[in-house]
Amino acid sequence: MFSEITFTSWLKRAVATALCAALLLLGHKGYVKITDHFKHVAELESANDTLTTNNKTLTGNNSTLKSSLSEQQAQLVTLQQTLAKREKDRQEYVLKQAELEQELEKLKEDSQNEIDEINRAILLAGINHTALPASVIRVLRDKARAVNARSRDGHKAGGAAASESAGLPTLSGG
């Protein structure tokens, strides 16, 4: 009987021990899985916090970039307006330069015509090889200074009016 009790008891104990061992093993596996799960959840929460912080930083950077882009576009518009104004001014300068060159050519032609007219007057008076009196030379120099002054200040005084020349007094021979 002792052996029967022992065997039955041993069998009960073995089954109880196996059950306890299985429960312990399952409990340990469950504990490990639960602790691993909690670690994983903590890591996910930490990663989520990091991503949230990075997202806030990126949102701030995005706002800064948008404002910088707006400023750049405003500056680009200003630059384009400035360039357009400069181009317009350059074209006006080219036109004004062409007008002034034409006016200068006309003044040169008028000056040459005056010189030719004086030479003809001298030839007609028959005094081309005769020394002119000092008073006549003074009048001619004054006249030349007046013509030169008008040609220098012609664009200030109205352009065409400055290029007109007054008649010279006729010279008497002698």
Protein backbone atom coordinates (compact mmCIF):
# COMPACT_ATOMS: atom_id res chain seq x y z
CA MET A 1 0.00 0.00 0.00
CA PHE A 2 2.82 2.20 0.74
CA SER A 3 3.98 1.83 -2.74
CA GLU A 4 0.52 2.54 -4.10
CA ILE A 5 0.12 5.63 -2.04
CA THR A 6 3.51 6.72 -2.89
CA PHE A 7 3.01 6.14 -6.54
CA THR A 8 -0.36 7.89 -6.56
CA SER A 9 0.91 10.58 -4.36
CA TRP A 10 4.01 10.83 -6.41
CA LEU A 11 1.89 11.00 -9.53
CA LYS A 12 -0.26 13.71 -8.00
CA ARG A 13 2.82 15.57 -6.93
CA ALA A 14 4.38 15.15 -10.35
CA VAL A 15 1.24 16.40 -12.04
CA ALA A 16 1.00 19.26 -9.54
CA THR A 17 4.67 20.04 -10.05
CA ALA A 18 4.27 19.88 -13.82
CA LEU A 19 1.25 22.13 -13.57
CA CYS A 20 3.12 24.52 -11.32
CA ALA A 21 6.12 24.41 -13.62
CA ALA A 22 3.87 25.02 -16.63
CA LEU A 23 2.11 27.83 -14.77
CA LEU A 24 5.46 29.30 -13.74
CA LEU A 25 6.79 28.97 -17.27
CA LEU A 26 3.65 30.50 -18.75
CA GLY A 27 3.64 33.16 -16.03
CA HIS A 28 7.28 33.98 -16.74
CA LYS A 29 6.62 34.11 -20.49
CA GLY A 30 3.58 36.29 -19.86
CA TYR A 31 5.60 38.52 -17.53
CA VAL A 32 8.38 38.82 -20.11
CA LYS A 33 5.86 39.57 -22.87
CA ILE A 34 4.07 42.15 -20.73
CA THR A 35 7.32 43.86 -19.67
CA ASP A 36 8.53 43.77 -23.29
CA HIS A 37 5.18 45.23 -24.35
CA PHE A 38 5.47 48.01 -21.76
CA LYS A 39 9.05 48.72 -22.89
CA HIS A 40 7.88 48.82 -26.50
CA VAL A 41 4.99 51.14 -25.57
CA ALA A 42 7.44 53.39 -23.67
CA GLU A 43 9.77 53.42 -26.69
CA LEU A 44 6.85 54.23 -28.99
CA GLU A 45 5.74 57.05 -26.68
CA SER A 46 9.31 58.39 -26.59
CA ALA A 47 9.55 58.16 -30.39
CA ASN A 48 6.14 59.84 -30.65
CA ASP A 49 7.33 62.67 -28.38
CA THR A 50 10.48 63.03 -30.50
CA LEU A 51 8.41 63.07 -33.69
CA THR A 52 6.02 65.61 -32.19
CA THR A 53 8.96 67.84 -31.20
CA ASN A 54 10.51 67.45 -34.66
CA ASN A 55 7.15 68.18 -36.27
CA LYS A 56 6.81 71.38 -34.23
CA THR A 57 10.34 72.39 -35.23
CA LEU A 58 9.60 71.65 -38.88
CA THR A 59 6.36 73.61 -38.67
CA GLY A 60 8.30 76.58 -37.26
CA ASN A 61 10.93 76.22 -39.97
CA ASN A 62 8.17 75.99 -42.59
CA SER A 63 6.65 79.23 -41.31
CA THR A 64 10.06 80.91 -41.38
CA LEU A 65 10.67 79.67 -44.92
CA LYS A 66 7.26 80.90 -46.04
CA SER A 67 7.92 84.38 -44.63
CA SER A 68 11.41 84.38 -46.18
CA LEU A 69 9.90 83.35 -49.50
CA SER A 70 7.35 86.16 -49.26
CA GLU A 71 10.14 88.66 -48.53
CA GLN A 72 12.18 87.28 -51.42
CA GLN A 73 9.23 87.60 -53.78
CA ALA A 74 8.67 91.20 -52.63
CA GLN A 75 12.34 91.96 -53.18
CA LEU A 76 12.18 90.29 -56.59
CA VAL A 77 9.23 92.49 -57.56
CA THR A 78 11.15 95.56 -56.36
CA LEU A 79 14.22 94.43 -58.31
CA GLN A 80 12.16 93.91 -61.47
CA GLN A 81 10.62 97.36 -61.07
CA THR A 82 14.06 98.88 -60.56
CA LEU A 83 15.42 97.08 -63.62
CA ALA A 84 12.45 98.21 -65.70
CA LYS A 85 12.98 101.81 -64.54
CA ARG A 86 16.70 101.59 -65.33
CA GLU A 87 15.94 100.22 -68.79
CA LYS A 88 13.46 103.04 -69.39
CA ASP A 89 16.02 105.59 -68.16
CA ARG A 90 18.68 104.02 -70.41
CA GLN A 91 16.38 104.26 -73.43
CA GLU A 92 15.59 107.89 -72.58
CA TYR A 93 19.33 108.53 -72.26
CA VAL A 94 19.98 106.98 -75.68
CA LEU A 95 17.23 109.13 -77.23
CA LYS A 96 18.49 112.27 -75.48
CA GLN A 97 22.04 111.50 -76.57
CA ALA A 98 20.91 111.10 -80.18
CA GLU A 99 19.00 114.41 -79.97
CA LEU A 100 22.04 116.16 -78.50
CA GLU A 101 24.30 114.72 -81.19
CA GLN A 102 21.91 116.00 -83.86
CA GLU A 103 21.80 119.39 -82.16
CA LEU A 104 25.61 119.43 -81.98
CA GLU A 105 25.83 118.66 -85.70
CA LYS A 106 23.38 121.49 -86.40
CA LEU A 107 25.44 123.86 -84.22
CA LYS A 108 28.61 122.82 -86.04
CA GLU A 109 26.88 123.43 -89.35
CA ASP A 110 25.57 126.82 -88.13
CA SER A 111 29.06 127.76 -86.91
CA GLN A 112 30.58 126.78 -90.24
CA ASN A 113 27.88 128.78 -92.05
CA GLU A 114 28.70 131.82 -89.88
CA ILE A 115 32.41 131.43 -90.65
CA ASP A 116 31.67 131.11 -94.37
CA GLU A 117 29.39 134.17 -94.19
CA ILE A 118 32.12 136.20 -92.47
CA ASN A 119 34.67 135.06 -95.07
CA ARG A 120 32.29 136.06 -97.90
CA ALA A 121 31.68 139.42 -96.26
CA ILE A 122 35.43 139.94 -96.02
CA LEU A 123 35.90 138.94 -99.66
CA LEU A 124 33.02 141.16 -100.81
CA ALA A 125 34.39 144.06 -98.84
CA GLY A 126 37.75 143.54 -100.51
CA ILE A 127 39.66 143.47 -97.29
CA ASN A 128 40.74 139.83 -97.24
CA HIS A 129 44.45 140.77 -97.10
CA THR A 130 43.96 143.88 -95.02
CA ALA A 131 44.41 143.92 -91.27
CA LEU A 132 41.15 144.53 -89.44
CA PRO A 133 40.95 147.30 -86.88
CA ALA A 134 41.12 146.21 -83.24
CA SER A 135 37.51 147.31 -82.64
CA VAL A 136 36.25 145.00 -85.44
CA ILE A 137 38.32 142.09 -84.11
CA ARG A 138 36.90 142.78 -80.63
CA VAL A 139 33.33 142.78 -82.03
CA LEU A 140 33.99 139.49 -83.86
CA ARG A 141 35.46 137.87 -80.71
CA ASP A 142 32.50 139.07 -78.65
CA LYS A 143 30.18 137.65 -81.28
CA ALA A 144 32.05 134.30 -81.24
CA ARG A 145 31.89 134.17 -77.42
CA ALA A 146 28.15 134.84 -77.53
CA VAL A 147 27.60 132.08 -80.11
CA ASN A 148 29.74 129.64 -78.09
CA ALA A 149 27.95 130.52 -74.85
CA ARG A 150 24.57 129.95 -76.48
CA SER A 151 25.71 126.63 -77.92
CA ARG A 152 26.98 125.47 -74.49
CA ASP A 153 23.81 126.57 -72.74
CA GLY A 154 21.48 125.80 -75.65
CA HIS A 155 19.71 122.86 -74.04
CA LYS A 156 19.17 124.94 -70.88
CA ALA A 157 17.86 127.96 -72.76
CA GLY A 158 15.51 126.07 -75.05
CA GLY A 159 17.71 124.38 -77.64
CA ALA A 160 16.73 125.75 -81.04
CA ALA A 161 16.61 129.39 -79.89
CA ALA A 162 20.20 129.14 -78.72
CA SER A 163 21.43 127.86 -82.06
CA GLU A 164 20.03 130.81 -83.99
CA SER A 165 22.68 133.40 -84.63
CA ALA A 166 22.23 137.11 -84.88
CA GLY A 167 23.43 138.94 -88.00
CA LEU A 168 26.85 140.58 -88.06
CA PRO A 169 27.12 144.27 -88.74
CA THR A 170 28.35 144.96 -92.22
CA LEU A 171 31.94 146.01 -92.48
CA SER A 172 32.92 148.97 -94.53
CA GLY A 173 36.09 148.73 -96.58
CA GLY A 174 38.96 150.66 -95.72
